[in-house]
Amino acid sequence: MRYLASVCTSILINKGIIEAEEREIYEYGFDITIYTVLSTCGLMLIGLVFKQVWNTVILVSVFYTCQS
């Protein structure tokens, strides 16, 4: 995931959207975002396999609400 975050950050730097000095901040942000999206998709897939989609949606919603 860090590699993908690094690639995304490099693209934004090369296009001039962000400054190179902010690279570490953006890499961290992309890393956390990618991890969150993949883990949420994994949980939803498990819920789908066990035919518990609504329970999974509730679990993820409550967890993310309490986390923030």
PDB file of N, CA and C in Angstrom:
ATOM      1  N   MET A   1       0.811  -1.182   0.000  1.00  0.00           N
ATOM      2  CA  MET A   1       0.000   0.000   0.000  1.00  0.00           C
ATOM      3  C   MET A   1       0.862   1.258   0.000  1.00  0.00           C
ATOM      4  N   ARG A   2       2.001   1.178   0.651  1.00  0.00           N
ATOM      5  CA  ARG A   2       2.887   2.349   0.660  1.00  0.00           C
ATOM      6  C   ARG A   2       3.402   2.660  -0.736  1.00  0.00           C
ATOM      7  N   TYR A   3       3.625   1.613  -1.519  1.00  0.00           N
ATOM      8  CA  TYR A   3       4.088   1.824  -2.892  1.00  0.00           C
ATOM      9  C   TYR A   3       3.025   2.573  -3.696  1.00  0.00           C
ATOM     10  N   LEU A   4       1.775   2.148  -3.577  1.00  0.00           N
ATOM     11  CA  LEU A   4       0.684   2.796  -4.289  1.00  0.00           C
ATOM     12  C   LEU A   4       0.512   4.241  -3.825  1.00  0.00           C
ATOM     13  N   ALA A   5       0.641   4.468  -2.526  1.00  0.00           N
ATOM     14  CA  ALA A   5       0.558   5.830  -1.997  1.00  0.00           C
ATOM     15  C   ALA A   5       1.691   6.693  -2.552  1.00  0.00           C
ATOM     16  N   SER A   6       2.872   6.108  -2.661  1.00  0.00           N
ATOM     17  CA  SER A   6       4.016   6.830  -3.206  1.00  0.00           C
ATOM     18  C   SER A   6       3.798   7.176  -4.675  1.00  0.00           C
ATOM     19  N   VAL A   7       3.239   6.247  -5.427  1.00  0.00           N
ATOM     20  CA  VAL A   7       2.966   6.487  -6.848  1.00  0.00           C
ATOM     21  C   VAL A   7       1.936   7.605  -7.013  1.00  0.00           C
ATOM     22  N   CYS A   8       0.862   7.549  -6.221  1.00  0.00           N
ATOM     23  CA  CYS A   8      -0.169   8.595  -6.301  1.00  0.00           C
ATOM     24  C   CYS A   8       0.419   9.965  -5.976  1.00  0.00           C
ATOM     25  N   THR A   9       1.256  10.022  -4.963  1.00  0.00           N
ATOM     26  CA  THR A   9       1.884  11.285  -4.577  1.00  0.00           C
ATOM     27  C   THR A   9       2.822  11.779  -5.670  1.00  0.00           C
ATOM     28  N   SER A  10       3.587  10.878  -6.255  1.00  0.00           N
ATOM     29  CA  SER A  10       4.506  11.269  -7.338  1.00  0.00           C
ATOM     30  C   SER A  10       3.750  11.845  -8.521  1.00  0.00           C
ATOM     31  N   ILE A  11       2.617  11.267  -8.844  1.00  0.00           N
ATOM     32  CA  ILE A  11       1.803  11.784  -9.954  1.00  0.00           C
ATOM     33  C   ILE A  11       1.361  13.211  -9.672  1.00  0.00           C
ATOM     34  N   LEU A  12       0.881  13.457  -8.436  1.00  0.00           N
ATOM     35  CA  LEU A  12       0.433  14.808  -8.091  1.00  0.00           C
ATOM     36  C   LEU A  12       1.587  15.811  -8.087  1.00  0.00           C
ATOM     37  N   ILE A  13       2.754  15.378  -7.658  1.00  0.00           N
ATOM     38  CA  ILE A  13       3.924  16.265  -7.670  1.00  0.00           C
ATOM     39  C   ILE A  13       4.336  16.580  -9.104  1.00  0.00           C
ATOM     40  N   ASN A  14       4.370  15.559  -9.960  1.00  0.00           N
ATOM     41  CA  ASN A  14       4.769  15.762 -11.357  1.00  0.00           C
ATOM     42  C   ASN A  14       3.804  16.670 -12.106  1.00  0.00           C
ATOM     43  N   LYS A  15       2.521  16.633 -11.737  1.00  0.00           N
ATOM     44  CA  LYS A  15       1.536  17.500 -12.390  1.00  0.00           C
ATOM     45  C   LYS A  15       1.509  18.897 -11.786  1.00  0.00           C
ATOM     46  N   GLY A  16       2.285  19.107 -10.722  1.00  0.00           N
ATOM     47  CA  GLY A  16       2.358  20.423 -10.096  1.00  0.00           C
ATOM     48  C   GLY A  16       1.183  20.741  -9.194  1.00  0.00           C
ATOM     49  N   ILE A  17       0.431  19.726  -8.799  1.00  0.00           N
ATOM     50  CA  ILE A  17      -0.735  19.947  -7.948  1.00  0.00           C
ATOM     51  C   ILE A  17      -0.318  20.159  -6.494  1.00  0.00           C
ATOM     52  N   ILE A  18       0.722  19.449  -6.064  1.00  0.00           N
ATOM     53  CA  ILE A  18       1.237  19.615  -4.706  1.00  0.00           C
ATOM     54  C   ILE A  18       2.735  19.882  -4.763  1.00  0.00           C
ATOM     55  N   GLU A  19       3.252  20.417  -3.680  1.00  0.00           N
ATOM     56  CA  GLU A  19       4.680  20.712  -3.579  1.00  0.00           C
ATOM     57  C   GLU A  19       5.436  19.469  -3.120  1.00  0.00           C
ATOM     58  N   ALA A  20       6.662  19.332  -3.568  1.00  0.00           N
ATOM     59  CA  ALA A  20       7.491  18.181  -3.202  1.00  0.00           C
ATOM     60  C   ALA A  20       7.779  18.140  -1.703  1.00  0.00           C
ATOM     61  N   GLU A  21       7.778  19.303  -1.055  1.00  0.00           N
ATOM     62  CA  GLU A  21       8.037  19.352   0.383  1.00  0.00           C
ATOM     63  C   GLU A  21       6.930  18.691   1.196  1.00  0.00           C
ATOM     64  N   GLU A  22       5.746  18.572   0.609  1.00  0.00           N
ATOM     65  CA  GLU A  22       4.596  17.986   1.298  1.00  0.00           C
ATOM     66  C   GLU A  22       4.429  16.498   1.008  1.00  0.00           C
ATOM     67  N   ARG A  23       5.431  15.900   0.395  1.00  0.00           N
ATOM     68  CA  ARG A  23       5.355  14.509  -0.043  1.00  0.00           C
ATOM     69  C   ARG A  23       4.987  13.543   1.089  1.00  0.00           C
ATOM     70  N   GLU A  24       5.654  13.635   2.216  1.00  0.00           N
ATOM     71  CA  GLU A  24       5.406  12.699   3.314  1.00  0.00           C
ATOM     72  C   GLU A  24       3.982  12.805   3.839  1.00  0.00           C
ATOM     73  N   ILE A  25       3.466  14.009   3.905  1.00  0.00           N
ATOM     74  CA  ILE A  25       2.092  14.214   4.394  1.00  0.00           C
ATOM     75  C   ILE A  25       1.100  13.549   3.454  1.00  0.00           C
ATOM     76  N   TYR A  26       1.266  13.760   2.154  1.00  0.00           N
ATOM     77  CA  TYR A  26       0.347  13.171   1.183  1.00  0.00           C
ATOM     78  C   TYR A  26       0.486  11.659   1.107  1.00  0.00           C
ATOM     79  N   GLU A  27       1.705  11.156   1.211  1.00  0.00           N
ATOM     80  CA  GLU A  27       1.894   9.701   1.203  1.00  0.00           C
ATOM     81  C   GLU A  27       1.179   9.060   2.385  1.00  0.00           C
ATOM     82  N   TYR A  28       1.294   9.684   3.548  1.00  0.00           N
ATOM     83  CA  TYR A  28       0.600   9.169   4.731  1.00  0.00           C
ATOM     84  C   TYR A  28      -0.914   9.200   4.523  1.00  0.00           C
ATOM     85  N   GLY A  29      -1.427  10.298   4.000  1.00  0.00           N
ATOM     86  CA  GLY A  29      -2.864  10.415   3.742  1.00  0.00           C
ATOM     87  C   GLY A  29      -3.361   9.382   2.747  1.00  0.00           C
ATOM     88  N   PHE A  30      -2.627   9.201   1.666  1.00  0.00           N
ATOM     89  CA  PHE A  30      -3.009   8.189   0.681  1.00  0.00           C
ATOM     90  C   PHE A  30      -2.920   6.786   1.275  1.00  0.00           C
ATOM     91  N   ASP A  31      -1.911   6.527   2.073  1.00  0.00           N
ATOM     92  CA  ASP A  31      -1.741   5.212   2.691  1.00  0.00           C
ATOM     93  C   ASP A  31      -2.932   4.880   3.590  1.00  0.00           C
ATOM     94  N   ILE A  32      -3.326   5.816   4.420  1.00  0.00           N
ATOM     95  CA  ILE A  32      -4.471   5.614   5.311  1.00  0.00           C
ATOM     96  C   ILE A  32      -5.762   5.446   4.512  1.00  0.00           C
ATOM     97  N   THR A  33      -5.931   6.240   3.483  1.00  0.00           N
ATOM     98  CA  THR A  33      -7.145   6.156   2.661  1.00  0.00           C
ATOM     99  C   THR A  33      -7.232   4.818   1.944  1.00  0.00           C
ATOM    100  N   ILE A  34      -6.153   4.380   1.349  1.00  0.00           N
ATOM    101  CA  ILE A  34      -6.140   3.098   0.633  1.00  0.00           C
ATOM    102  C   ILE A  34      -6.418   1.957   1.599  1.00  0.00           C
ATOM    103  N   TYR A  35      -5.782   1.991   2.770  1.00  0.00           N
ATOM    104  CA  TYR A  35      -6.004   0.948   3.771  1.00  0.00           C
ATOM    105  C   TYR A  35      -7.472   0.913   4.203  1.00  0.00           C
ATOM    106  N   THR A  36      -8.066   2.071   4.445  1.00  0.00           N
ATOM    107  CA  THR A  36      -9.459   2.149   4.879  1.00  0.00           C
ATOM    108  C   THR A  36     -10.405   1.611   3.812  1.00  0.00           C
ATOM    109  N   VAL A  37     -10.179   1.999   2.576  1.00  0.00           N
ATOM    110  CA  VAL A  37     -11.043   1.535   1.480  1.00  0.00           C
ATOM    111  C   VAL A  37     -10.931   0.022   1.301  1.00  0.00           C
ATOM    112  N   LEU A  38      -9.707  -0.492   1.312  1.00  0.00           N
ATOM    113  CA  LEU A  38      -9.523  -1.933   1.125  1.00  0.00           C
ATOM    114  C   LEU A  38     -10.090  -2.738   2.295  1.00  0.00           C
ATOM    115  N   SER A  39      -9.902  -2.269   3.514  1.00  0.00           N
ATOM    116  CA  SER A  39     -10.438  -3.009   4.652  1.00  0.00           C
ATOM    117  C   SER A  39     -11.964  -2.975   4.673  1.00  0.00           C
ATOM    118  N   THR A  40     -12.549  -1.848   4.281  1.00  0.00           N
ATOM    119  CA  THR A  40     -14.001  -1.758   4.203  1.00  0.00           C
ATOM    120  C   THR A  40     -14.541  -2.687   3.119  1.00  0.00           C
ATOM    121  N   CYS A  41     -13.895  -2.720   1.978  1.00  0.00           N
ATOM    122  CA  CYS A  41     -14.315  -3.632   0.908  1.00  0.00           C
ATOM    123  C   CYS A  41     -14.170  -5.086   1.346  1.00  0.00           C
ATOM    124  N   GLY A  42     -13.110  -5.392   2.074  1.00  0.00           N
ATOM    125  CA  GLY A  42     -12.923  -6.746   2.587  1.00  0.00           C
ATOM    126  C   GLY A  42     -14.028  -7.142   3.555  1.00  0.00           C
ATOM    127  N   LEU A  43     -14.380  -6.231   4.452  1.00  0.00           N
ATOM    128  CA  LEU A  43     -15.475  -6.505   5.384  1.00  0.00           C
ATOM    129  C   LEU A  43     -16.798  -6.712   4.649  1.00  0.00           C
ATOM    130  N   MET A  44     -17.041  -5.879   3.650  1.00  0.00           N
ATOM    131  CA  MET A  44     -18.282  -6.013   2.874  1.00  0.00           C
ATOM    132  C   MET A  44     -18.308  -7.337   2.117  1.00  0.00           C
ATOM    133  N   LEU A  45     -17.172  -7.760   1.612  1.00  0.00           N
ATOM    134  CA  LEU A  45     -17.091  -9.038   0.913  1.00  0.00           C
ATOM    135  C   LEU A  45     -17.390 -10.198   1.867  1.00  0.00           C
ATOM    136  N   ILE A  46     -16.833 -10.124   3.070  1.00  0.00           N
ATOM    137  CA  ILE A  46     -17.123 -11.159   4.064  1.00  0.00           C
ATOM    138  C   ILE A  46     -18.612 -11.165   4.411  1.00  0.00           C
ATOM    139  N   GLY A  47     -19.196  -9.991   4.581  1.00  0.00           N
ATOM    140  CA  GLY A  47     -20.625  -9.895   4.850  1.00  0.00           C
ATOM    141  C   GLY A  47     -21.461 -10.462   3.715  1.00  0.00           C
ATOM    142  N   LEU A  48     -21.023 -10.242   2.508  1.00  0.00           N
ATOM    143  CA  LEU A  48     -21.727 -10.769   1.337  1.00  0.00           C
ATOM    144  C   LEU A  48     -21.640 -12.288   1.282  1.00  0.00           C
ATOM    145  N   VAL A  49     -20.473 -12.832   1.566  1.00  0.00           N
ATOM    146  CA  VAL A  49     -20.282 -14.282   1.548  1.00  0.00           C
ATOM    147  C   VAL A  49     -21.180 -14.965   2.578  1.00  0.00           C
ATOM    148  N   PHE A  50     -21.300 -14.352   3.763  1.00  0.00           N
ATOM    149  CA  PHE A  50     -22.111 -14.934   4.828  1.00  0.00           C
ATOM    150  C   PHE A  50     -23.553 -14.433   4.829  1.00  0.00           C
ATOM    151  N   LYS A  51     -23.924 -13.697   3.762  1.00  0.00           N
ATOM    152  CA  LYS A  51     -25.279 -13.170   3.594  1.00  0.00           C
ATOM    153  C   LYS A  51     -25.714 -12.322   4.790  1.00  0.00           C
ATOM    154  N   GLN A  52     -24.794 -11.482   5.244  1.00  0.00           N
ATOM    155  CA  GLN A  52     -25.041 -10.579   6.362  1.00  0.00           C
ATOM    156  C   GLN A  52     -24.668  -9.146   5.965  1.00  0.00           C
ATOM    157  N   VAL A  53     -25.124  -8.735   4.789  1.00  0.00           N
ATOM    158  CA  VAL A  53     -24.711  -7.441   4.242  1.00  0.00           C
ATOM    159  C   VAL A  53     -25.173  -6.296   5.141  1.00  0.00           C
ATOM    160  N   TRP A  54     -26.444  -6.306   5.552  1.00  0.00           N
ATOM    161  CA  TRP A  54     -26.952  -5.202   6.374  1.00  0.00           C
ATOM    162  C   TRP A  54     -26.273  -5.154   7.728  1.00  0.00           C
ATOM    163  N   ASN A  55     -26.017  -6.300   8.320  1.00  0.00           N
ATOM    164  CA  ASN A  55     -25.289  -6.317   9.595  1.00  0.00           C
ATOM    165  C   ASN A  55     -23.883  -5.760   9.428  1.00  0.00           C
ATOM    166  N   THR A  56     -23.273  -6.062   8.310  1.00  0.00           N
ATOM    167  CA  THR A  56     -21.932  -5.561   8.037  1.00  0.00           C
ATOM    168  C   THR A  56     -21.943  -4.053   7.834  1.00  0.00           C
ATOM    169  N   VAL A  57     -22.929  -3.554   7.114  1.00  0.00           N
ATOM    170  CA  VAL A  57     -23.057  -2.111   6.897  1.00  0.00           C
ATOM    171  C   VAL A  57     -23.236  -1.397   8.236  1.00  0.00           C
ATOM    172  N   ILE A  58     -24.064  -1.948   9.094  1.00  0.00           N
ATOM    173  CA  ILE A  58     -24.279  -1.350  10.418  1.00  0.00           C
ATOM    174  C   ILE A  58     -22.984  -1.380  11.233  1.00  0.00           C
ATOM    175  N   LEU A  59     -22.307  -2.518  11.219  1.00  0.00           N
ATOM    176  CA  LEU A  59     -21.052  -2.642  11.956  1.00  0.00           C
ATOM    177  C   LEU A  59     -20.024  -1.622  11.485  1.00  0.00           C
ATOM    178  N   VAL A  60     -19.847  -1.522  10.184  1.00  0.00           N
ATOM    179  CA  VAL A  60     -18.870  -0.577   9.633  1.00  0.00           C
ATOM    180  C   VAL A  60     -19.274   0.859   9.970  1.00  0.00           C
ATOM    181  N   SER A  61     -20.556   1.171   9.833  1.00  0.00           N
ATOM    182  CA  SER A  61     -21.032   2.533  10.136  1.00  0.00           C
ATOM    183  C   SER A  61     -20.804   2.894  11.597  1.00  0.00           C
ATOM    184  N   VAL A  62     -21.154   1.987  12.503  1.00  0.00           N
ATOM    185  CA  VAL A  62     -20.964   2.258  13.930  1.00  0.00           C
ATOM    186  C   VAL A  62     -19.478   2.379  14.254  1.00  0.00           C
ATOM    187  N   PHE A  63     -18.674   1.481  13.695  1.00  0.00           N
ATOM    188  CA  PHE A  63     -17.249   1.506  13.972  1.00  0.00           C
ATOM    189  C   PHE A  63     -16.622   2.817  13.500  1.00  0.00           C
ATOM    190  N   TYR A  64     -16.923   3.246  12.285  1.00  0.00           N
ATOM    191  CA  TYR A  64     -16.323   4.475  11.777  1.00  0.00           C
ATOM    192  C   TYR A  64     -16.837   5.696  12.512  1.00  0.00           C
ATOM    193  N   THR A  65     -18.092   5.658  12.950  1.00  0.00           N
ATOM    194  CA  THR A  65     -18.637   6.777  13.712  1.00  0.00           C
ATOM    195  C   THR A  65     -17.934   6.900  15.067  1.00  0.00           C
ATOM    196  N   CYS A  66     -17.749   5.767  15.737  1.00  0.00           N
ATOM    197  CA  CYS A  66     -17.078   5.776  17.044  1.00  0.00           C
ATOM    198  C   CYS A  66     -15.589   6.077  16.908  1.00  0.00           C
ATOM    199  N   GLN A  67     -15.006   5.705  15.805  1.00  0.00           N
ATOM    200  CA  GLN A  67     -13.580   5.913  15.598  1.00  0.00           C
ATOM    201  C   GLN A  67     -13.247   7.394  15.487  1.00  0.00           C
ATOM    202  N   SER A  68     -14.101   8.126  14.824  1.00  0.00           N
ATOM    203  CA  SER A  68     -13.809   9.550  14.641  1.00  0.00           C
ATOM    204  C   SER A  68     -14.231  10.337  15.855  1.00  0.00           C
TER     205      SER A  68
END
